[in-house]
Amino acid sequence: MQKLAKCPHCRGLLDISAIAHNKASDELLCIYTALPGHASAALADYVQLFTPDKSDLSHARQLKLSQDIIELTKQHDLAVFTQALTITVASIRDHWERNGYRRMGDDHAYLQKVLETEEQKFLNSQTSKTVVSANQAIEMKVERPETLQESTKKWQENLAKYRS
């Protein structure tokens, strides 16, 4: 077995050949590595909410969910995407803890609501910021972070390089 790395959660060894032979895990790994660290972790946490109680979530199901979420959120900025996933995961886990049961729907309606709310907050905070000194006001332009669509395009380019 060729060791790739250890899983940060279970400390199990990842096998390069097993990943290479499984197309779903290969594509899933490409998705997660194309996203910056916080976005990747937030996506992984959200996908894990769909894990059944008595079994593991298959790589094919994880891939399908990840692709659905990226498709759903591709028009949003990466910062909004990450923040919305983080808020959604925390809220759902809190709800489960208070009510004592786990159940996820197949639609991402709650995530969509959180995305809309976070998008409005993001747009309101990014218009322009003004810093006032003793005698003058300096207007600062804030650059937007890379969008999910730009990140997905980079991921597809990287995936094409590895497949060829």
Foldseek 3Di string as FASTA:
>chain_A
DDFDAADPPPRHTDDPVVCVVDPLSVLLVLLLVLAPDLLSVLLVLLLQLPADPPDGDDSNSSSVSSVVLLVVFQVDASVLNSVLSVVVSVVQVVVCVVVVDRDDDPDPVSSNVSSVVSRVVVVVVQPWDWDDDPPDIDIDHDDTHHGSNNSVVVSVVVVVVVVD
